[in-house]
């Protein structure tokens, strides 16, 4: 079974994460399959808009840190960064290389896709799932969607693609991170992180209606407008700010590796969920 499904509906390419049994947790196989799907959509002149979706009940539970198909130990073709392979390296040489490639590098490239992208979010959008939604230009969420970045429980200052202070106001971002609490779709819309919230049963129809409306605009005009807004964000410090936080992220990993069981402070999906549930 393919971990990413690709289809075209008229002028809209639909890229669907397809690991529903694991709430679409993102392993490296999925990362590179997403990258291939996005390249395919960009190369197709008939595609005007790209929709990113998650199969099943949830958009994405984040990075794969514990499924039987976790593949962090494997080499993959490096496409986003010119850095050495993480396999066979130790400590920060390995962690920094892998996360520069499969997390920050890939997300930055996907943010620059020259066609409008829309994340269609239902259910859980957690940690690494946030990164996948945040690189999209627009987010349409169902009323049952929720967002969370609980990795401060690991002693780590948020996920690698640290867009928090740009996708929501800084004080809201601090509360979001300090508590690790879930943010419901209505609140996410209120703070400006989400464009639209719709009933779950209308999510697909509303998302594709929006995509088709955008698809009627001229292709170059859309690409240049997207680039203009992204450049404005970067002038506000997004790119350099993310670089600086990525360093803090790896300081936290290194501290955990020295003082606890591993670079994740011994946390796994089960313990993270228990902490979130207060049990």
Protein backbone atom coordinates (compact mmCIF):
# COMPACT_ATOMS: atom_id res chain seq x y z
CA UNK A 1 0.00 0.00 0.00
CA UNK A 2 1.32 3.42 -0.97
CA UNK A 3 1.87 5.76 1.95
CA UNK A 4 0.81 8.70 -0.24
CA UNK A 5 -2.02 8.66 -2.76
CA UNK A 6 -2.06 11.08 -5.71
CA UNK A 7 -5.00 11.94 -7.91
CA UNK A 8 -6.15 14.80 -10.10
CA UNK A 9 -9.62 16.27 -10.05
CA UNK A 10 -9.73 18.69 -12.93
CA UNK A 11 -7.36 21.56 -12.08
CA UNK A 12 -6.83 20.30 -8.52
CA UNK A 13 -4.19 17.75 -7.48
CA UNK A 14 -5.05 15.84 -4.32
CA UNK A 15 -2.12 14.53 -2.28
CA UNK A 16 -3.34 12.24 0.50
CA UNK A 17 -1.26 10.86 3.35
CA UNK A 18 -2.23 7.21 3.58
CA UNK A 19 -1.22 5.66 6.89
CA UNK A 20 -4.64 5.84 8.60
CA UNK A 21 -3.89 2.96 10.99
CA UNK A 22 -1.15 5.16 12.50
CA UNK A 23 -3.08 8.44 12.23
CA UNK A 24 -0.88 9.36 9.26
CA UNK A 25 2.29 9.57 11.33
CA UNK A 26 5.03 10.75 8.98
CA UNK A 27 7.95 8.38 8.49
CA UNK A 28 10.74 9.09 6.02
CA UNK A 29 9.07 6.95 3.36
CA UNK A 30 6.06 9.26 3.55
CA UNK A 31 8.26 12.37 3.46
CA UNK A 32 9.83 11.37 0.17
CA UNK A 33 6.52 10.16 -1.24
CA UNK A 34 5.01 13.56 -0.44
CA UNK A 35 7.95 15.25 -2.12
CA UNK A 36 7.49 13.15 -5.25
CA UNK A 37 3.76 13.91 -5.32
CA UNK A 38 4.35 17.65 -4.99
CA UNK A 39 6.92 17.56 -7.80
CA UNK A 40 4.38 15.73 -9.94
CA UNK A 41 1.73 18.35 -9.28
CA UNK A 42 4.10 21.23 -10.02
CA UNK A 43 5.20 19.63 -13.30
CA UNK A 44 1.62 19.12 -14.49
CA UNK A 45 0.53 22.25 -16.34
CA UNK A 46 -3.13 21.28 -15.90
CA UNK A 47 -2.82 21.48 -12.12
CA UNK A 48 -3.58 24.92 -10.69
CA UNK A 49 -4.07 24.11 -6.97
CA UNK A 50 -2.82 21.35 -4.65
CA UNK A 51 -4.86 19.96 -1.76
CA UNK A 52 -3.02 18.10 1.03
CA UNK A 53 -5.22 15.64 2.91
CA UNK A 54 -4.97 12.80 5.42
CA UNK A 55 -6.81 9.50 5.00
CA UNK A 56 -9.08 8.32 7.79
CA UNK A 57 -10.16 10.08 10.95
CA UNK A 58 -7.08 12.27 11.39
CA UNK A 59 -4.96 14.61 9.27
CA UNK A 60 -1.66 13.68 10.95
CA UNK A 61 -0.48 12.74 14.42
CA UNK A 62 2.98 14.07 13.62
CA UNK A 63 6.38 12.50 13.15
CA UNK A 64 6.61 8.74 13.40
CA UNK A 65 8.36 8.10 16.70
CA UNK A 66 7.05 4.63 17.46
CA UNK A 67 5.19 2.67 14.77
CA UNK A 68 6.47 -0.69 13.46
CA UNK A 69 7.29 1.05 10.17
CA UNK A 70 9.44 3.80 11.63
CA UNK A 71 12.42 4.08 9.32
CA UNK A 72 14.64 6.76 10.82
CA UNK A 73 17.62 4.40 10.59
CA UNK A 74 17.50 4.16 6.81
CA UNK A 75 19.25 6.29 4.22
CA UNK A 76 17.15 8.16 1.69
CA UNK A 77 18.04 10.21 -1.35
CA UNK A 78 18.85 13.66 -0.05
CA UNK A 79 17.05 16.25 -2.11
CA UNK A 80 16.34 19.22 0.11
CA UNK A 81 19.78 19.89 1.60
CA UNK A 82 23.44 19.47 0.74
CA UNK A 83 24.45 17.71 3.93
CA UNK A 84 25.93 14.31 4.69
CA UNK A 85 23.79 11.24 5.28
CA UNK A 86 22.75 10.68 8.90
CA UNK A 87 23.31 6.91 8.74
CA UNK A 88 26.55 5.78 10.35
CA UNK A 89 26.95 9.03 12.28
CA UNK A 90 26.52 9.55 16.01
CA UNK A 91 24.99 12.19 18.24
CA UNK A 92 24.35 15.62 16.79
CA UNK A 93 26.07 14.67 13.51
CA UNK A 94 23.25 12.22 12.89
CA UNK A 95 20.27 14.08 14.40
CA UNK A 96 21.11 17.44 12.84
CA UNK A 97 21.70 15.92 9.41
CA UNK A 98 18.46 13.93 9.37
CA UNK A 99 16.22 16.66 10.75
CA UNK A 100 17.76 19.29 8.46
CA UNK A 101 16.74 17.11 5.54
CA UNK A 102 13.45 15.36 6.29
CA UNK A 103 11.91 18.04 8.51
CA UNK A 104 13.11 21.62 7.99
CA UNK A 105 14.56 21.20 4.50
CA UNK A 106 11.54 19.47 3.04
CA UNK A 107 9.04 21.80 4.70
CA UNK A 108 10.85 24.88 3.47
CA UNK A 109 10.85 23.53 -0.06
CA UNK A 110 7.15 22.69 0.09
CA UNK A 111 6.37 26.19 1.35
CA UNK A 112 7.86 27.49 -1.90
CA UNK A 113 5.77 25.31 -4.23
CA UNK A 114 4.76 27.81 -6.95
CA UNK A 115 1.12 26.74 -6.89
CA UNK A 116 -1.40 27.46 -4.13
CA UNK A 117 -1.66 24.68 -1.58
CA UNK A 118 -4.56 23.99 0.77
CA UNK A 119 -4.41 21.74 3.83
CA UNK A 120 -7.70 19.92 4.42
CA UNK A 121 -7.56 19.10 8.13
CA UNK A 122 -9.78 16.81 10.17
CA UNK A 123 -9.19 15.28 13.58
CA UNK A 124 -5.67 15.44 14.95
CA UNK A 125 -3.04 17.81 13.60
CA UNK A 126 -0.22 17.34 16.09
CA UNK A 127 3.46 18.38 16.17
CA UNK A 128 4.91 17.24 12.82
CA UNK A 129 1.37 17.36 11.45
CA UNK A 130 1.37 21.09 12.17
CA UNK A 131 4.42 21.48 9.97
CA UNK A 132 2.63 19.83 7.06
CA UNK A 133 -0.41 22.08 7.47
CA UNK A 134 1.64 25.23 8.08
CA UNK A 135 3.63 24.94 4.84
CA UNK A 136 0.32 25.13 2.97
CA UNK A 137 -0.97 28.53 1.94
CA UNK A 138 -4.47 27.98 3.30
CA UNK A 139 -5.96 25.69 5.94
CA UNK A 140 -9.57 24.53 5.87
CA UNK A 141 -10.45 22.63 9.05
CA UNK A 142 -13.43 20.55 10.07
CA UNK A 143 -15.16 21.48 13.29
CA UNK A 144 -13.74 18.36 14.94
CA UNK A 145 -10.12 19.26 14.11
CA UNK A 146 -7.63 20.09 16.83
CA UNK A 147 -4.05 21.32 16.83
CA UNK A 148 -1.26 20.74 19.37
CA UNK A 149 2.51 20.90 19.76
CA UNK A 150 3.26 18.92 22.92
CA UNK A 151 7.01 18.45 22.41
CA UNK A 152 7.88 20.88 25.21
CA UNK A 153 7.10 17.82 27.36
CA UNK A 154 10.36 16.47 25.95
CA UNK A 155 12.16 19.66 26.96
CA UNK A 156 12.24 20.70 23.29
CA UNK A 157 11.10 24.19 22.19
CA UNK A 158 8.53 23.13 19.60
CA UNK A 159 8.73 21.25 16.34
CA UNK A 160 11.59 21.77 13.92
CA UNK A 161 9.71 23.96 11.45
CA UNK A 162 9.20 26.66 14.08
CA UNK A 163 6.55 28.80 12.43
CA UNK A 164 4.55 29.32 15.63
CA UNK A 165 5.07 33.11 16.08
CA UNK A 166 4.13 33.71 12.42
CA UNK A 167 1.02 31.53 12.17
CA UNK A 168 -0.43 32.88 15.42
CA UNK A 169 0.24 35.88 17.70
CA UNK A 170 3.35 35.45 19.91
CA UNK A 171 1.47 35.32 23.23
CA UNK A 172 -0.91 32.72 21.84
CA UNK A 173 2.10 30.77 20.56
CA UNK A 174 3.65 30.84 24.03
CA UNK A 175 0.48 29.53 25.66
CA UNK A 176 0.14 26.89 22.92
CA UNK A 177 3.68 25.67 23.64
CA UNK A 178 3.84 26.20 27.41
CA UNK A 179 0.71 24.12 28.05
CA UNK A 180 0.85 21.62 25.21
CA UNK A 181 -2.96 21.81 25.22
CA UNK A 182 -5.08 21.08 22.21
CA UNK A 183 -6.37 24.09 20.30
CA UNK A 184 -9.76 23.47 18.75
CA UNK A 185 -10.61 24.50 15.22
CA UNK A 186 -12.76 27.44 16.31
CA UNK A 187 -9.95 28.88 18.42
CA UNK A 188 -7.43 28.26 15.62
CA UNK A 189 -9.67 30.27 13.31
CA UNK A 190 -10.06 33.00 15.90
CA UNK A 191 -6.29 33.51 16.20
CA UNK A 192 -5.78 33.44 12.44
CA UNK A 193 -4.07 30.07 12.03
CA UNK A 194 -6.96 28.57 10.06
CA UNK A 195 -8.82 30.17 7.16
CA UNK A 196 -12.15 28.38 7.45
CA UNK A 197 -13.92 25.96 9.80
CA UNK A 198 -16.71 23.84 8.37
CA UNK A 199 -18.82 20.89 9.54
CA UNK A 200 -16.98 17.60 9.17
CA UNK A 201 -19.40 16.30 6.54
CA UNK A 202 -18.82 19.41 4.42
CA UNK A 203 -15.04 19.52 4.68
CA UNK A 204 -14.23 17.99 1.31
CA UNK A 205 -16.91 19.91 -0.60
CA UNK A 206 -15.93 23.25 0.94
CA UNK A 207 -12.22 22.66 0.38
CA UNK A 208 -12.66 21.77 -3.28
CA UNK A 209 -15.03 24.67 -3.88
CA UNK A 210 -12.31 26.98 -2.59
CA UNK A 211 -9.63 25.21 -4.64
CA UNK A 212 -11.66 25.50 -7.83
CA UNK A 213 -12.33 29.19 -7.20
CA UNK A 214 -8.60 29.81 -6.82
CA UNK A 215 -7.88 27.67 -9.90
CA UNK A 216 -9.78 30.18 -12.04
CA UNK A 217 -7.04 32.77 -11.42
CA UNK A 218 -4.04 33.09 -13.77
CA UNK A 219 -1.23 30.68 -12.92
CA UNK A 220 1.64 33.19 -12.94
CA UNK A 221 -0.39 35.70 -10.95
CA UNK A 222 -0.98 33.09 -8.25
CA UNK A 223 2.70 32.07 -8.19
CA UNK A 224 3.95 35.65 -7.91
CA UNK A 225 1.39 36.54 -5.25
CA UNK A 226 2.39 33.54 -3.20
CA UNK A 227 6.06 34.49 -3.54
CA UNK A 228 5.29 38.08 -2.51
CA UNK A 229 3.57 37.04 0.71
CA UNK A 230 6.26 34.46 1.54
CA UNK A 231 8.95 37.10 0.99
CA UNK A 232 7.12 39.47 3.33
CA UNK A 233 7.06 36.78 6.02
CA UNK A 234 10.77 36.21 5.57
CA UNK A 235 11.42 39.95 5.83
CA UNK A 236 9.60 39.76 9.15
CA UNK A 237 12.25 37.25 10.24
CA UNK A 238 10.60 33.92 9.63
CA UNK A 239 13.51 32.26 7.81
CA UNK A 240 16.29 33.46 10.11
CA UNK A 241 14.12 33.02 13.19
CA UNK A 242 13.49 29.41 12.28
CA UNK A 243 17.23 28.85 11.82
CA UNK A 244 17.95 30.18 15.30
CA UNK A 245 15.26 28.02 16.93
CA UNK A 246 16.48 24.93 15.06
CA UNK A 247 19.76 25.39 16.94
CA UNK A 248 17.89 25.54 20.25
CA UNK A 249 15.93 22.46 19.21
CA UNK A 250 19.17 20.51 18.81
CA UNK A 251 20.59 21.87 22.04
CA UNK A 252 17.55 20.30 23.71
CA UNK A 253 18.10 16.99 21.91
CA UNK A 254 21.74 16.96 23.03
CA UNK A 255 20.78 17.79 26.63
CA UNK A 256 18.23 14.97 26.66
CA UNK A 257 20.76 12.51 25.26
CA UNK A 258 23.20 13.42 28.06
CA UNK A 259 20.74 13.46 30.95
CA UNK A 260 17.98 10.97 30.09
CA UNK A 261 17.21 7.81 28.18
CA UNK A 262 17.49 9.33 24.70
CA UNK A 263 17.21 12.52 22.66
CA UNK A 264 13.42 12.54 23.20
CA UNK A 265 13.77 12.41 27.00
CA UNK A 266 12.37 8.89 27.05
CA UNK A 267 9.00 10.00 25.73
CA UNK A 268 7.04 7.89 23.24
CA UNK A 269 3.54 8.17 21.71
CA UNK A 270 1.93 6.39 24.65
CA UNK A 271 3.55 8.53 27.33
CA UNK A 272 2.89 11.72 25.34
CA UNK A 273 -0.79 10.85 25.06
CA UNK A 274 -0.98 9.99 28.75
CA UNK A 275 0.58 13.33 29.67
CA UNK A 276 -1.84 15.17 27.38
CA UNK A 277 -4.79 13.32 28.92
CA UNK A 278 -3.51 14.05 32.44
CA UNK A 279 -3.29 10.36 33.30
